[in-house]
Each structure stands twice: as structure tokens, then as C-alpha cells.
Protein backbone atom coordinates (compact mmCIF):
# COMPACT_ATOMS: atom_id res chain seq x y z
CA MET A 1 0.00 0.00 0.00
CA LYS A 2 1.18 3.47 -0.81
CA LEU A 3 -0.45 6.56 0.66
CA SER A 4 -1.14 9.02 -2.12
CA ASN A 5 -0.54 12.75 -1.75
CA LYS A 6 -4.31 13.15 -1.55
CA SER A 7 -4.41 10.90 1.54
CA ARG A 8 -1.35 12.50 3.13
CA TYR A 9 -2.73 16.01 2.57
CA GLY A 10 -6.16 14.92 3.79
CA LEU A 11 -4.75 13.45 6.99
CA ARG A 12 -2.58 16.51 7.58
CA ALA A 13 -5.47 18.89 6.96
CA LEU A 14 -7.82 16.93 9.23
CA VAL A 15 -5.33 17.00 12.10
CA ASP A 16 -5.00 20.75 11.56
CA LEU A 17 -8.80 21.09 11.50
CA ALA A 18 -9.18 19.01 14.68
CA VAL A 19 -6.63 21.20 16.48
CA ASN A 20 -7.95 24.54 15.25
CA SER A 21 -11.73 24.05 15.18
CA LYS A 22 -12.33 23.87 18.94
CA ASP A 23 -14.01 27.29 18.88
CA GLY A 24 -15.82 26.96 15.54
CA HIS A 25 -15.22 26.44 11.87
CA VAL A 26 -11.90 27.01 10.11
CA ALA A 27 -11.36 28.61 6.70
CA LEU A 28 -9.90 26.23 4.15
CA ASN A 29 -7.32 28.78 2.98
CA LEU A 30 -5.88 28.93 6.54
CA ILE A 31 -5.51 25.14 6.66
CA ALA A 32 -3.90 25.21 3.22
CA GLU A 33 -1.50 28.00 4.21
CA ARG A 34 -0.41 26.37 7.48
CA ASN A 35 0.28 23.08 5.71
CA GLY A 36 1.76 24.26 2.42
CA ILE A 37 -1.06 22.76 0.35
CA SER A 38 -2.69 24.37 -2.67
CA PRO A 39 -6.13 25.69 -1.64
CA GLN A 40 -7.63 24.45 -4.92
CA TYR A 41 -6.28 20.95 -4.35
CA LEU A 42 -7.39 20.97 -0.72
CA GLU A 43 -10.90 21.91 -1.83
CA GLN A 44 -10.99 18.70 -3.90
CA VAL A 45 -9.76 16.71 -0.90
CA PHE A 46 -12.40 18.28 1.35
CA ALA A 47 -15.13 17.58 -1.22
CA SER A 48 -14.40 13.86 -0.77
CA LEU A 49 -14.32 14.23 3.02
CA ARG A 50 -17.59 16.15 2.98
CA LYS A 51 -19.24 13.53 0.78
CA ALA A 52 -18.12 10.81 3.24
CA GLY A 53 -19.61 12.71 6.19
CA ILE A 54 -16.27 13.41 7.86
CA VAL A 55 -16.45 17.21 7.62
CA LYS A 56 -19.22 19.74 7.20
CA SER A 57 -18.98 23.17 5.67
CA ILE A 58 -20.45 26.60 6.17
CA LYS A 59 -20.74 28.53 2.93
CA GLY A 60 -20.05 32.19 2.40
CA PRO A 61 -17.26 34.71 2.99
CA GLN A 62 -17.11 33.85 6.69
CA GLY A 63 -17.48 30.14 5.98
CA GLY A 64 -15.22 27.23 6.68
CA TYR A 65 -15.11 23.64 7.78
CA PHE A 66 -15.61 21.69 10.98
CA LEU A 67 -15.61 18.00 11.87
CA ALA A 68 -18.96 16.28 11.33
CA ARG A 69 -18.27 13.91 14.24
CA GLU A 70 -16.02 13.94 17.28
CA ALA A 71 -12.37 13.28 16.39
CA ASP A 72 -12.34 10.02 18.35
CA GLN A 73 -15.20 8.77 16.15
CA ILE A 74 -13.29 9.27 12.88
CA THR A 75 -10.87 6.43 12.16
CA ALA A 76 -7.89 6.43 9.85
CA ALA A 77 -9.80 3.78 7.88
CA ASP A 78 -12.74 6.21 7.43
CA ILE A 79 -10.41 8.90 6.12
CA LEU A 80 -8.48 6.68 3.72
CA GLU A 81 -11.66 5.10 2.37
CA ALA A 82 -13.09 8.57 1.74
CA LEU A 83 -9.97 9.70 -0.10
CA GLU A 84 -8.81 6.51 -1.84
CA GLY A 85 -11.93 4.41 -2.17
CA THR A 86 -10.07 1.51 -0.56
CA TYR A 87 -6.81 0.97 1.22
CA TYR A 88 -6.63 -2.77 0.57
CA LEU A 89 -3.97 -4.44 -1.55
CA GLU A 90 -5.44 -5.61 -4.84
CA GLU A 91 -6.45 -9.24 -5.05
CA GLU A 92 -4.17 -11.72 -6.76
CA ASN A 93 -5.14 -12.63 -10.30
CA ILE A 94 -6.04 -16.31 -10.02
CA SER A 95 -4.61 -18.09 -13.01
CA GLU A 96 -6.61 -20.61 -15.05
CA ILE A 97 -3.47 -22.69 -15.53
CA PRO A 98 -3.67 -25.46 -12.89
CA ALA A 99 0.00 -25.25 -11.82
CA GLN A 100 -0.27 -21.49 -11.29
CA THR A 101 -3.69 -21.57 -9.62
CA GLY A 102 -2.32 -23.06 -6.40
CA ILE A 103 0.47 -20.51 -6.28
CA SER A 104 -1.96 -17.64 -6.87
CA VAL A 105 -4.33 -18.94 -4.18
CA ALA A 106 -1.43 -19.29 -1.72
CA ILE A 107 -0.32 -15.71 -2.38
CA GLN A 108 -3.88 -14.44 -1.98
CA GLU A 109 -4.67 -16.40 1.19
CA LEU A 110 -1.37 -16.29 3.05
CA LEU A 111 -0.11 -12.86 2.07
CA ILE A 112 -2.64 -10.45 0.60
CA ASN A 113 -5.63 -11.43 2.76
CA ARG A 114 -3.52 -11.37 5.92
CA ILE A 115 -1.99 -7.99 5.10
CA ASN A 116 -5.44 -6.55 4.36
CA HIS A 117 -6.83 -7.99 7.60
CA GLU A 118 -4.00 -6.54 9.73
CA MET A 119 -4.19 -3.20 7.93
CA ASP A 120 -7.92 -3.11 8.62
CA ILE A 121 -7.33 -3.72 12.34
CA LEU A 122 -4.61 -1.06 12.53
CA LEU A 123 -6.44 1.65 10.58
CA ASN A 124 -9.65 1.12 12.55
CA ASP A 125 -7.71 1.29 15.80
CA ILE A 126 -6.19 4.73 15.08
CA ASN A 127 -8.54 7.68 15.10
CA LEU A 128 -8.23 11.38 14.40
CA ALA A 129 -8.08 12.19 18.11
CA ASP A 130 -5.02 9.91 18.43
CA LEU A 131 -3.28 11.78 15.60
CA GLU A 132 -4.28 15.14 17.08
CA ASN A 133 -3.03 14.20 20.57
CA TYR A 134 0.26 12.85 19.24
CA TYR A 135 0.77 16.03 17.23
CA MET A 136 0.00 18.26 20.20
CA GLU A 137 2.37 16.36 22.50
CA HIS A 138 5.22 16.56 20.00
CA LYS A 139 4.43 20.13 18.98
CA LEU A 140 4.83 21.22 22.59
CA ILE A 141 8.20 19.47 22.81
CA SER A 142 9.47 21.10 19.61
CA ASP A 143 8.12 24.51 20.66
CA ASP A 144 10.24 24.29 23.82
CA MET A 145 13.44 23.67 21.85
CA TYR A 146 15.68 26.58 21.05
CA TYR A 147 19.11 26.95 19.57
CA ILE A 148 22.01 29.26 20.37
């Protein structure tokens, strides 16, 4: 599995939104600016997130985005499914040649299915609140560092 830029930007932007939307909605251009992401591209990312029910928007000049659910109710799996469609490894092409069929089935059953199962467990175990908390803990540490 490879995380696309769309998924990486979406995750980054959602952590930013979770951190900065405690007092209300957040303008998309501010999220884009803080994270070095094109506002036009981020709008496409947020359209997918909005369609999946992860974020909601307020239209207009004073508009912006906020989380549709609590951060601890939004899993990494939810986010990646919204942005990628699926995060699973593609299934093995089962050959019609008898000698290759067994090999293909073995690869599918022992490797691909197991990887997909473990990835499913992991991505459903991590939620947006976990990412937000980790960021905040490490942000505080890096904010305290200074150089002479």
C-alpha cells in the first residue's frame, strides 16, 4: 500500500482542523496556508471528506469547515476510504493454468488477505483524536526547543 498525496494532505489537513476548530469552523485557505497545500487541491480533498460525512462546511465569505463527528469517532480507515476508495492491496489474479492456480491462491490467502486484515485492524484502531493528541504532544516538545 502506498499513501497518495491526496491521503497524506487529507490526513494533515484533518489533524489541523481538529486542532484549530475547537471554537468553531476554520477557513480552508488557513488550513492550506499552514500546511503548504494548494487551496484548490485541498478543496478537492475536502469535497471527498464532505461527501463521506467526515467534515461539514459553512458557505459564504465567513465560511469554513468543521468536523462532522467527534475526532475520536473518525478512524484512519474512514479517512483513507473517503480519499482513496479503498486501502486494501489488490487481489491476486487467479490463473486458469492449474499449476499457477495453487500458487496464486497461496499468495492471496497467506499474504494479501492477511496484510489486508492486519491493515484493517490497525487503521480502525487509530482515530483522528489519536493523531491530534500525538501532534500536540510533539508540537509542545518542539516549541520548547531553542538553539544558540
